[in-house]
Amino acid sequence: MNLSIFEVLGPVMIGPSSSHTAGAAKLARVAAMIAAKPFNKVDFALHGSFLKTGQGHGTRLALLAGAMGIAEDDERLKAAEAIAAEKGVEYSFTEAELDDVHENTACITFFHTDGSVSSITGCSIGGGRIRITDVNGMATDISAEQPTLLIEQNDVSGVISTISTALAAEGVNIGVMRVGRSTRGGVASTILELDEPVSDALAAWLQALPNVRRVCVINL
C-alpha cells in the first residue's frame, strides 16, 4: 500500500483530528466557495461519525469556521462561534441518516441573503482530504486538491467543446474532466481539475459564454 507521509502525519491544522477537524473545516470552506454568495444562516446536517463523535474532536467548530472562510490551520477556528455572532450568521446542527455515504459526511445548507438556498454534501476521507459528492441535487466528485472549475450549463451540443477550447487558448491544461446532467436537455455540470489556477478574468470570460449558467472557481 502506497502512503504519503502527509497521510500519516496529517495536514498542518488547528485541532486534534485530521478527519474530524481539518477535513471538516476544508469541507465547509469548499462548500462555501461553491455556494458563492453571501449567507446569513447555515445548517449542518451531520451523518455517521461526524454526528456521533464529532463534538469531542471540534467538528462543529471546524465546520462553522470553514463555512465562514476560515482555513484549517487558522487560530481563529477556535473562536468560530464568536465570529459567527459578530457577523450575524445563524447556524444549526441537525442529524442526517444518509444511505451509501462515507461515515464523515455533512450536508451543508446555506441560506443566502438574496433569499436563495444552496445545498452541498461532502465528506472528510482522512488526512485532511475531502470529497464534495452533491451540489444542489446533482452528483459530483470534487476533491479540491487541484485548481478546479465547476461549471453548470445547459445540456446542449457544443458547450463542453467551447469551454475546453477557451481554456486551451489561455494555456490552461485540463487534468481531469467529469460531466453529468440531471435530465437530457436540462441542466448539466462539468467539473474540471486543472494544472493551473483560474484567473478572475478567465472565469468571467467563461461565465459569458453562451449556455453557461454558472462558473465556480476553487483555488485553494
Protein backbone atom coordinates (compact mmCIF):
# COMPACT_ATOMS: atom_id res chain seq x y z
CA MET A 1 0.00 0.00 0.00
CA ASN A 2 1.41 3.39 -1.00
CA LEU A 3 1.02 6.11 1.63
CA SER A 4 2.16 9.71 1.54
CA ILE A 5 3.95 10.97 4.65
CA PHE A 6 1.25 13.66 4.77
CA GLU A 7 -1.41 10.97 5.08
CA VAL A 8 0.46 9.53 8.06
CA LEU A 9 1.20 12.79 9.86
CA GLY A 10 -1.83 14.73 8.67
CA PRO A 11 -2.02 18.34 7.47
CA VAL A 12 -0.98 21.50 9.31
CA MET A 13 -4.11 22.27 11.31
CA ILE A 14 -5.78 23.52 14.46
CA GLY A 15 -7.47 20.72 16.41
CA PRO A 16 -6.95 17.08 17.30
CA SER A 17 -8.15 15.21 14.20
CA SER A 18 -7.30 15.46 10.52
CA SER A 19 -10.64 13.83 9.63
CA HIS A 20 -12.98 15.47 12.12
CA THR A 21 -11.29 18.87 12.40
CA ALA A 22 -9.07 19.74 9.43
CA GLY A 23 -11.20 17.82 6.94
CA ALA A 24 -14.39 19.31 8.35
CA ALA A 25 -13.06 22.86 8.05
CA LYS A 26 -11.86 22.28 4.49
CA LEU A 27 -15.16 20.63 3.53
CA ALA A 28 -17.22 23.60 4.72
CA ARG A 29 -14.79 26.12 3.22
CA VAL A 30 -15.00 24.49 -0.21
CA ALA A 31 -18.79 24.22 0.14
CA ALA A 32 -18.96 27.98 0.78
CA MET A 33 -16.85 28.59 -2.35
CA ILE A 34 -19.30 26.51 -4.36
CA ALA A 35 -22.32 28.29 -2.86
CA ALA A 36 -20.50 31.51 -3.79
CA LYS A 37 -22.98 34.01 -2.33
CA PRO A 38 -23.34 35.85 0.99
CA PHE A 39 -25.39 33.99 3.58
CA ASN A 40 -26.87 34.80 6.96
CA LYS A 41 -27.76 31.27 8.05
CA VAL A 42 -26.22 27.83 7.61
CA ASP A 43 -27.37 24.37 8.67
CA PHE A 44 -25.05 21.40 9.05
CA ALA A 45 -26.81 18.05 8.83
CA LEU A 46 -24.33 15.52 10.25
CA HIS A 47 -24.17 11.83 9.42
CA GLY A 48 -22.38 8.87 10.99
CA SER A 49 -19.14 9.55 12.82
CA PHE A 50 -19.44 13.30 12.27
CA LEU A 51 -22.64 13.14 14.29
CA LYS A 52 -21.61 10.59 16.93
CA THR A 53 -18.03 11.57 17.81
CA GLY A 54 -17.50 14.93 16.17
CA GLN A 55 -18.25 17.08 19.19
CA GLY A 56 -15.20 15.84 21.09
CA HIS A 57 -13.00 16.47 18.07
CA GLY A 58 -14.22 20.03 17.49
CA THR A 59 -16.02 19.07 14.28
CA ARG A 60 -18.83 21.57 14.78
CA LEU A 61 -16.46 24.48 15.38
CA ALA A 62 -14.43 23.42 12.35
CA LEU A 63 -17.48 23.23 10.07
CA LEU A 64 -18.74 26.62 11.21
CA ALA A 65 -15.30 28.18 10.79
CA GLY A 66 -14.84 26.69 7.33
CA ALA A 67 -18.23 27.95 6.18
CA MET A 68 -17.05 31.46 7.07
CA GLY A 69 -13.86 31.02 5.07
CA ILE A 70 -11.53 30.21 7.95
CA ALA A 71 -8.83 27.69 6.97
CA GLU A 72 -7.99 24.58 8.93
CA ASP A 73 -4.63 25.98 10.12
CA ASP A 74 -6.06 29.35 11.25
CA GLU A 75 -6.10 30.03 15.00
CA ARG A 76 -9.48 31.76 14.56
CA LEU A 77 -11.07 28.34 14.10
CA LYS A 78 -11.39 28.00 17.87
CA ALA A 79 -13.36 31.29 18.02
CA ALA A 80 -15.83 30.33 15.26
CA GLU A 81 -18.93 30.82 17.43
CA ALA A 82 -17.88 34.32 18.50
CA ILE A 83 -17.02 35.25 14.91
CA ALA A 84 -20.40 34.00 13.69
CA ALA A 85 -22.15 36.11 16.34
CA GLU A 86 -20.12 39.16 15.28
CA LYS A 87 -21.02 38.59 11.62
CA GLY A 88 -24.69 37.95 12.39
CA VAL A 89 -24.54 34.42 10.98
CA GLU A 90 -27.08 31.98 12.44
CA TYR A 91 -26.20 28.30 12.45
CA SER A 92 -27.65 24.96 13.45
CA PHE A 93 -26.55 21.33 13.65
CA THR A 94 -29.04 18.60 12.84
CA GLU A 95 -28.99 14.83 12.37
CA ALA A 96 -28.91 13.17 8.96
CA GLU A 97 -29.33 9.49 8.11
CA LEU A 98 -27.94 9.13 4.61
CA ASP A 99 -27.61 5.99 2.51
CA ASP A 100 -24.38 4.79 0.90
CA VAL A 101 -22.19 7.66 2.08
CA HIS A 102 -18.92 7.98 4.00
CA GLU A 103 -19.17 8.00 7.80
CA ASN A 104 -17.79 11.56 7.96
CA THR A 105 -20.47 13.20 5.84
CA ALA A 106 -22.24 16.53 6.20
CA CYS A 107 -24.97 18.15 4.15
CA ILE A 108 -24.38 21.92 4.39
CA THR A 109 -27.28 24.22 3.53
CA PHE A 110 -26.59 27.92 3.03
CA PHE A 111 -29.46 30.39 3.31
CA HIS A 112 -28.37 33.34 1.20
CA THR A 113 -29.14 37.00 1.81
CA ASP A 114 -30.92 37.18 -1.57
CA GLY A 115 -33.43 34.52 -0.44
CA SER A 116 -31.94 31.63 -2.37
CA VAL A 117 -30.66 28.37 -0.85
CA SER A 118 -27.63 26.22 -1.71
CA SER A 119 -27.14 22.66 -0.51
CA ILE A 120 -23.74 20.97 -0.73
CA THR A 121 -22.98 17.46 0.55
CA GLY A 122 -19.50 16.12 1.11
CA CYS A 123 -17.27 14.03 3.33
CA SER A 124 -13.91 14.06 5.05
CA ILE A 125 -12.00 10.98 3.94
CA GLY A 126 -8.87 11.19 6.12
CA GLY A 127 -5.63 13.14 6.22
CA GLY A 128 -7.49 16.40 5.74
CA ARG A 129 -8.76 15.29 2.34
CA ILE A 130 -12.36 15.75 1.24
CA ARG A 131 -14.88 14.86 -1.43
CA ILE A 132 -17.85 17.01 -2.48
CA THR A 133 -20.44 14.47 -3.62
CA ASP A 134 -23.56 16.55 -4.32
CA VAL A 135 -24.26 20.15 -5.29
CA ASN A 136 -27.90 21.23 -5.23
CA GLY A 137 -29.10 17.72 -6.00
CA MET A 138 -26.58 16.95 -8.74
CA ALA A 139 -24.00 14.23 -8.12
CA THR A 140 -20.39 15.43 -8.20
CA ASP A 141 -16.89 14.26 -7.30
CA ILE A 142 -14.74 17.20 -6.26
CA SER A 143 -11.56 16.76 -4.21
CA ALA A 144 -10.33 20.39 -4.40
CA GLU A 145 -6.76 19.05 -4.39
CA GLN A 146 -6.09 20.80 -7.71
CA PRO A 147 -7.42 24.11 -9.07
CA THR A 148 -10.98 23.20 -10.01
CA LEU A 149 -13.76 24.63 -12.12
CA LEU A 150 -17.37 23.68 -11.51
CA ILE A 151 -19.50 24.82 -14.43
CA GLU A 152 -23.26 24.50 -14.71
CA GLN A 153 -24.51 24.71 -18.27
CA ASN A 154 -27.50 24.00 -20.46
CA ASP A 155 -27.33 20.46 -21.79
CA VAL A 156 -26.90 21.33 -25.45
CA SER A 157 -24.36 20.35 -28.05
CA GLY A 158 -21.07 22.23 -28.26
CA VAL A 159 -20.88 23.76 -24.78
CA ILE A 160 -18.14 21.47 -23.44
CA SER A 161 -16.10 21.90 -26.62
CA THR A 162 -16.35 25.69 -26.30
CA ILE A 163 -15.23 25.57 -22.66
CA SER A 164 -12.22 23.33 -23.34
CA THR A 165 -11.21 25.43 -26.35
CA ALA A 166 -11.36 28.58 -24.22
CA LEU A 167 -9.13 27.02 -21.56
CA ALA A 168 -6.64 25.78 -24.17
CA ALA A 169 -6.45 29.27 -25.70
CA GLU A 170 -5.39 30.60 -22.28
CA GLY A 171 -2.78 27.87 -21.82
CA VAL A 172 -4.72 26.11 -19.03
CA ASN A 173 -4.30 22.34 -19.17
CA ILE A 174 -7.17 20.05 -18.14
CA GLY A 175 -6.07 17.17 -15.93
CA VAL A 176 -9.45 15.56 -15.28
CA MET A 177 -12.91 16.28 -16.70
CA ARG A 178 -16.18 14.89 -15.35
CA VAL A 179 -19.54 15.61 -16.94
CA GLY A 180 -23.01 14.92 -15.60
CA ARG A 181 -26.57 16.05 -16.13
CA SER A 182 -29.89 15.96 -14.32
CA THR A 183 -32.03 15.16 -17.36
CA ARG A 184 -31.43 15.12 -21.09
CA GLY A 185 -31.72 18.67 -22.38
CA GLY A 186 -31.85 20.08 -18.84
CA VAL A 187 -29.03 21.35 -16.64
CA ALA A 188 -25.61 19.71 -16.90
CA SER A 189 -22.42 20.12 -14.92
CA THR A 190 -18.77 19.99 -15.91
CA ILE A 191 -16.04 19.52 -13.31
CA LEU A 192 -12.53 20.34 -14.48
CA GLU A 193 -9.41 19.66 -12.46
CA LEU A 194 -6.67 21.88 -13.86
CA ASP A 195 -2.89 22.19 -13.76
CA GLU A 196 -3.01 25.97 -13.26
CA PRO A 197 -5.17 28.30 -11.15
CA VAL A 198 -8.03 30.09 -12.91
CA SER A 199 -7.86 33.88 -13.00
CA ASP A 200 -10.88 36.06 -12.28
CA ALA A 201 -10.70 37.34 -15.86
CA LEU A 202 -10.86 33.82 -17.33
CA ALA A 203 -13.72 32.87 -15.01
CA ALA A 204 -15.67 35.95 -16.12
CA TRP A 205 -14.99 35.12 -19.76
CA LEU A 206 -16.26 31.56 -19.27
CA GLN A 207 -19.34 32.88 -17.47
CA ALA A 208 -20.17 34.99 -20.54
CA LEU A 209 -20.14 32.00 -22.92
CA PRO A 210 -23.50 31.01 -24.47
CA ASN A 211 -25.43 28.39 -22.46
CA VAL A 212 -23.12 28.66 -19.42
CA ARG A 213 -25.30 29.22 -16.37
CA ARG A 214 -22.73 29.46 -13.57
CA VAL A 215 -18.98 29.23 -13.10
CA CYS A 216 -17.44 28.39 -9.73
CA VAL A 217 -13.67 28.55 -9.19
CA ILE A 218 -11.98 26.57 -6.40
CA ASN A 219 -8.36 27.73 -5.98
CA LEU A 220 -7.04 26.61 -2.57
